[in-house]
Amino acid sequence: MDLTIIVPCLNEIKILEDSIKRIKEVLDISKYRYEIIIIDDGSTDGTKELAKKIADKYNNIKFINHEKNKGRGITVDEGVRNARGKIAGYIDVDLETPASYILALVLEIEKGADIATAYRHYKFNLPYTHRWFLSKGYNFLVRLLLNVKLKDTETGCKFFNKKKILPVLDQIKKTGWFWDTEIMVRSLYAGLKIKEVPTVFLRRGETGTTVSVVKDSVDYFFNLLRFRGEIKRKKLK
């Protein structure tokens, strides 16, 4: 198996089937032998039943179910550990980073990168002004507090050399959204080669969000401070 695509889901019944179709359309014309792992993290809207139906239809699609919500980090971690592909990665089911970028990221791994991620370019759009400011502000804090030059740690589209990333996964402490920051920064400190590929960011109007702006922003800030303290104590860099 060349490639594993992990698709984490939480109450995504409106878009899941279309998103899997788009991912398959990209990969079916590629040279890669691939599998898709759909992981439902405790959905209550029928997503898990639809995911199982999709997986039953295709030999190269696997379904993993969480009866209760475990968090984004645990979900992606489980997908990577269960991946059969030499390259394993995940993409958010909303495909706000379009599926067409998957092959560009995989190519960077083949060229020698240990991690290839999307570096999202937001179009400034008034209805989503807060998303633009939050993204820019958080990335600034990551660079300032953690002393790294990464441009976009929170992107929901990351691909890994599976063999290289497994030791880093064992170090991760956070199970929720901060997992994305931690996996990127710990990988950088571990000496892994990271390639950030510029991508467009397309907001899909039919999707909601599981992010609580105020609560999650506060959580992110305090997690950054704690992680910064750990870095200083252990001198990871």
Protein backbone atom coordinates (compact mmCIF):
# COMPACT_ATOMS: atom_id res chain seq x y z
CA MET A 1 0.00 0.00 0.00
CA ASP A 2 1.44 3.37 -1.04
CA LEU A 3 -0.91 5.80 0.62
CA THR A 4 -3.49 6.04 3.41
CA ILE A 5 -5.95 8.92 3.60
CA ILE A 6 -7.60 9.43 7.00
CA VAL A 7 -10.92 11.29 7.07
CA PRO A 8 -12.01 12.23 10.63
CA CYS A 9 -15.73 12.93 11.01
CA LEU A 10 -18.04 14.45 13.60
CA ASN A 11 -21.64 15.07 12.51
CA GLU A 12 -20.81 15.49 8.81
CA ILE A 13 -23.73 13.68 7.19
CA LYS A 14 -24.39 16.57 4.78
CA ILE A 15 -20.98 16.45 3.12
CA LEU A 16 -19.36 13.08 3.84
CA GLU A 17 -20.46 11.21 0.73
CA ASP A 18 -19.60 14.07 -1.64
CA SER A 19 -16.21 14.59 0.00
CA ILE A 20 -15.26 10.91 -0.27
CA LYS A 21 -16.30 11.03 -3.92
CA ARG A 22 -14.01 14.02 -4.54
CA ILE A 23 -11.08 12.33 -2.80
CA LYS A 24 -11.58 9.14 -4.82
CA GLU A 25 -11.76 11.11 -8.07
CA VAL A 26 -8.31 12.53 -7.37
CA LEU A 27 -6.70 9.28 -6.24
CA ASP A 28 -8.28 7.01 -8.84
CA ILE A 29 -6.37 8.75 -11.62
CA SER A 30 -3.08 8.65 -9.71
CA LYS A 31 -0.39 5.99 -9.73
CA TYR A 32 -0.86 5.17 -6.05
CA ARG A 33 -2.32 2.10 -4.40
CA TYR A 34 -4.35 3.73 -1.69
CA GLU A 35 -6.84 3.22 1.10
CA ILE A 36 -9.22 5.61 2.84
CA ILE A 37 -9.96 5.29 6.56
CA ILE A 38 -13.11 7.08 7.68
CA ILE A 39 -13.14 7.54 11.47
CA ASP A 40 -16.35 8.71 13.10
CA ASP A 41 -15.68 10.38 16.44
CA GLY A 42 -19.03 9.98 18.16
CA SER A 43 -21.46 11.49 15.63
CA THR A 44 -25.16 11.66 16.51
CA ASP A 45 -26.61 12.75 13.15
CA GLY A 46 -26.32 9.51 11.15
CA THR A 47 -22.77 10.10 9.92
CA LYS A 48 -21.53 6.76 11.28
CA GLU A 49 -24.27 4.81 9.49
CA LEU A 50 -23.47 6.59 6.23
CA ALA A 51 -19.73 6.02 6.70
CA LYS A 52 -20.29 2.31 7.23
CA LYS A 53 -22.43 2.18 4.10
CA ILE A 54 -19.69 3.85 2.06
CA ALA A 55 -17.01 1.53 3.47
CA ASP A 56 -19.11 -1.53 2.66
CA LYS A 57 -19.29 -0.37 -0.96
CA TYR A 58 -15.53 -0.17 -1.59
CA ASN A 59 -12.75 -2.65 -0.85
CA ASN A 60 -10.21 0.10 -0.17
CA ILE A 61 -12.31 2.11 2.29
CA LYS A 62 -12.25 1.19 5.97
CA PHE A 63 -14.55 2.48 8.72
CA ILE A 64 -13.62 2.96 12.38
CA ASN A 65 -16.29 3.98 14.87
CA HIS A 66 -15.96 5.77 18.21
CA GLU A 67 -19.05 5.31 20.33
CA LYS A 68 -18.10 8.45 22.27
CA ASN A 69 -16.22 11.55 21.19
CA LYS A 70 -12.48 11.14 21.89
CA GLY A 71 -11.06 14.24 20.24
CA ARG A 72 -9.40 15.16 16.98
CA GLY A 73 -5.90 14.23 18.09
CA ILE A 74 -6.76 10.70 19.20
CA THR A 75 -8.79 10.21 16.04
CA VAL A 76 -5.98 11.14 13.67
CA ASP A 77 -3.41 9.27 15.79
CA GLU A 78 -5.49 6.10 15.55
CA GLY A 79 -5.79 6.51 11.80
CA VAL A 80 -2.04 6.88 11.30
CA ARG A 81 -1.28 3.87 13.49
CA ASN A 82 -3.79 1.75 11.56
CA ALA A 83 -2.57 2.94 8.16
CA ARG A 84 -1.13 0.37 5.79
CA GLY A 85 0.35 3.01 3.51
CA LYS A 86 4.01 4.04 3.63
CA ILE A 87 2.65 7.57 3.46
CA ALA A 88 -0.25 8.38 5.78
CA GLY A 89 -2.12 11.62 6.06
CA TYR A 90 -5.42 13.19 6.88
CA ILE A 91 -7.67 15.79 5.35
CA ASP A 92 -10.61 17.53 6.98
CA VAL A 93 -13.87 16.17 5.62
CA ASP A 94 -15.09 19.65 4.64
CA LEU A 95 -12.30 19.76 2.02
CA GLU A 96 -11.78 23.47 2.61
CA THR A 97 -8.28 22.53 1.56
CA PRO A 98 -9.36 20.90 -1.74
CA ALA A 99 -8.65 17.23 -2.38
CA SER A 100 -6.67 18.15 -5.48
CA TYR A 101 -3.75 19.16 -3.21
CA ILE A 102 -3.34 15.64 -1.82
CA LEU A 103 -1.07 14.55 -4.65
CA ALA A 104 1.17 17.63 -4.32
CA LEU A 105 1.71 16.86 -0.63
CA VAL A 106 2.35 13.17 -1.26
CA LEU A 107 4.90 14.11 -3.93
CA GLU A 108 6.82 16.18 -1.35
CA ILE A 109 7.10 13.09 0.89
CA GLU A 110 8.38 11.08 -2.06
CA LYS A 111 10.95 13.80 -2.73
CA GLY A 112 12.35 13.48 0.80
CA ALA A 113 10.17 15.44 3.21
CA ASP A 114 9.11 13.64 6.38
CA ILE A 115 5.98 15.78 6.72
CA ALA A 116 4.11 17.76 4.06
CA THR A 117 1.33 20.10 5.08
CA ALA A 118 -0.97 22.64 3.51
CA TYR A 119 -0.10 26.28 4.13
CA ARG A 120 -3.53 27.87 3.74
CA HIS A 121 -4.00 31.17 1.94
CA TYR A 122 -7.21 32.76 3.18
CA LYS A 123 -9.14 35.08 0.94
CA PHE A 124 -10.25 38.00 3.11
CA ASN A 125 -14.01 37.59 3.24
CA LEU A 126 -16.23 39.72 5.48
CA PRO A 127 -18.53 36.90 6.69
CA TYR A 128 -15.45 35.00 7.87
CA THR A 129 -13.30 37.91 9.06
CA HIS A 130 -12.94 36.29 12.49
CA ARG A 131 -11.49 33.12 10.93
CA TRP A 132 -8.88 35.18 9.08
CA PHE A 133 -7.83 37.08 12.21
CA LEU A 134 -7.83 33.97 14.41
CA SER A 135 -5.64 32.07 11.97
CA LYS A 136 -3.16 34.91 11.52
CA GLY A 137 -3.10 35.70 15.23
CA TYR A 138 -2.60 32.11 16.34
CA ASN A 139 0.17 31.45 13.85
CA PHE A 140 1.92 34.61 15.09
CA LEU A 141 1.72 33.38 18.69
CA VAL A 142 3.06 29.94 17.74
CA ARG A 143 6.09 31.48 16.08
CA LEU A 144 6.62 33.97 18.92
CA LEU A 145 6.11 31.70 21.93
CA LEU A 146 7.56 28.46 20.56
CA ASN A 147 10.36 30.06 18.52
CA VAL A 148 9.57 28.22 15.30
CA LYS A 149 9.23 29.41 11.71
CA LEU A 150 6.25 27.24 10.80
CA LYS A 151 3.60 29.18 8.88
CA ASP A 152 0.45 27.13 9.52
CA THR A 153 0.46 24.49 12.23
CA GLU A 154 -3.33 24.12 12.39
CA THR A 155 -4.07 23.14 8.83
CA GLY A 156 -6.38 20.16 8.52
CA CYS A 157 -4.35 18.58 5.75
CA LYS A 158 -1.10 16.90 6.78
CA PHE A 159 0.83 13.95 5.35
CA PHE A 160 3.57 11.92 7.00
CA ASN A 161 6.25 9.39 6.29
CA LYS A 162 4.63 6.84 8.58
CA LYS A 163 7.87 5.26 9.76
CA LYS A 164 9.32 8.64 10.71
CA ILE A 165 6.25 10.03 12.47
CA LEU A 166 5.48 7.09 14.78
CA PRO A 167 8.13 7.98 17.41
CA VAL A 168 6.78 11.54 17.52
CA LEU A 169 3.21 10.31 17.98
CA ASP A 170 4.35 8.55 21.15
CA GLN A 171 5.36 11.93 22.62
CA ILE A 172 2.04 13.72 22.03
CA LYS A 173 0.10 14.68 25.15
CA LYS A 174 -2.95 16.57 23.87
CA THR A 175 -5.90 14.67 22.40
CA GLY A 176 -7.96 17.57 21.02
CA TRP A 177 -7.36 20.35 18.51
CA PHE A 178 -3.98 21.36 19.99
CA TRP A 179 -2.68 18.03 18.68
CA ASP A 180 -2.00 19.77 15.36
CA THR A 181 0.35 22.29 16.92
CA GLU A 182 2.07 19.68 19.03
CA ILE A 183 2.71 17.22 16.21
CA MET A 184 4.25 19.93 14.05
CA VAL A 185 6.46 21.49 16.72
CA ARG A 186 7.63 18.19 18.21
CA SER A 187 8.44 16.93 14.71
CA LEU A 188 10.50 20.03 14.04
CA TYR A 189 12.41 19.60 17.30
CA ALA A 190 12.94 15.91 16.45
CA GLY A 191 14.75 16.97 13.30
CA LEU A 192 12.10 15.88 10.82
CA LYS A 193 12.04 17.67 7.49
CA ILE A 194 8.80 19.63 7.07
CA LYS A 195 7.54 21.05 3.78
CA GLU A 196 4.67 23.55 3.82
CA VAL A 197 2.90 23.72 0.47
CA PRO A 198 0.83 26.85 -0.32
CA THR A 199 -2.84 26.00 -0.89
CA VAL A 200 -6.06 27.90 -1.32
CA PHE A 201 -8.64 27.77 1.46
CA LEU A 202 -12.22 27.48 0.21
CA ARG A 203 -14.93 28.04 2.79
CA ARG A 204 -17.84 25.63 2.18
CA GLY A 205 -21.10 27.32 3.10
CA GLU A 206 -22.95 24.09 3.90
CA THR A 207 -20.57 23.14 6.68
CA GLY A 208 -20.74 24.23 10.27
CA THR A 209 -17.93 24.26 12.77
CA THR A 210 -17.13 22.35 15.94
CA VAL A 211 -14.90 25.19 17.13
CA SER A 212 -16.09 27.47 19.93
CA VAL A 213 -14.30 30.73 19.17
CA VAL A 214 -13.95 32.12 22.71
CA LYS A 215 -13.50 28.87 24.66
CA ASP A 216 -11.15 27.26 22.15
CA SER A 217 -9.10 30.44 21.74
CA VAL A 218 -8.53 30.57 25.50
CA ASP A 219 -7.67 26.85 25.58
CA TYR A 220 -5.22 27.26 22.72
CA PHE A 221 -3.49 30.16 24.44
CA PHE A 222 -2.99 28.32 27.73
CA ASN A 223 -1.88 25.18 25.89
CA LEU A 224 0.72 27.28 24.08
CA LEU A 225 2.01 28.61 27.39
CA ARG A 226 2.21 25.12 28.91
CA PHE A 227 3.94 23.73 25.83
CA ARG A 228 6.39 26.64 25.87
CA GLY A 229 7.19 25.81 29.49
CA GLU A 230 7.83 22.17 28.62
CA ILE A 231 10.10 23.16 25.76
CA LYS A 232 12.17 25.36 28.05
CA ARG A 233 12.37 22.73 30.80
CA LYS A 234 13.36 19.88 28.53
CA LYS A 235 15.28 22.04 26.06
CA LEU A 236 13.66 20.20 23.16
CA LYS A 237 15.22 22.56 20.68
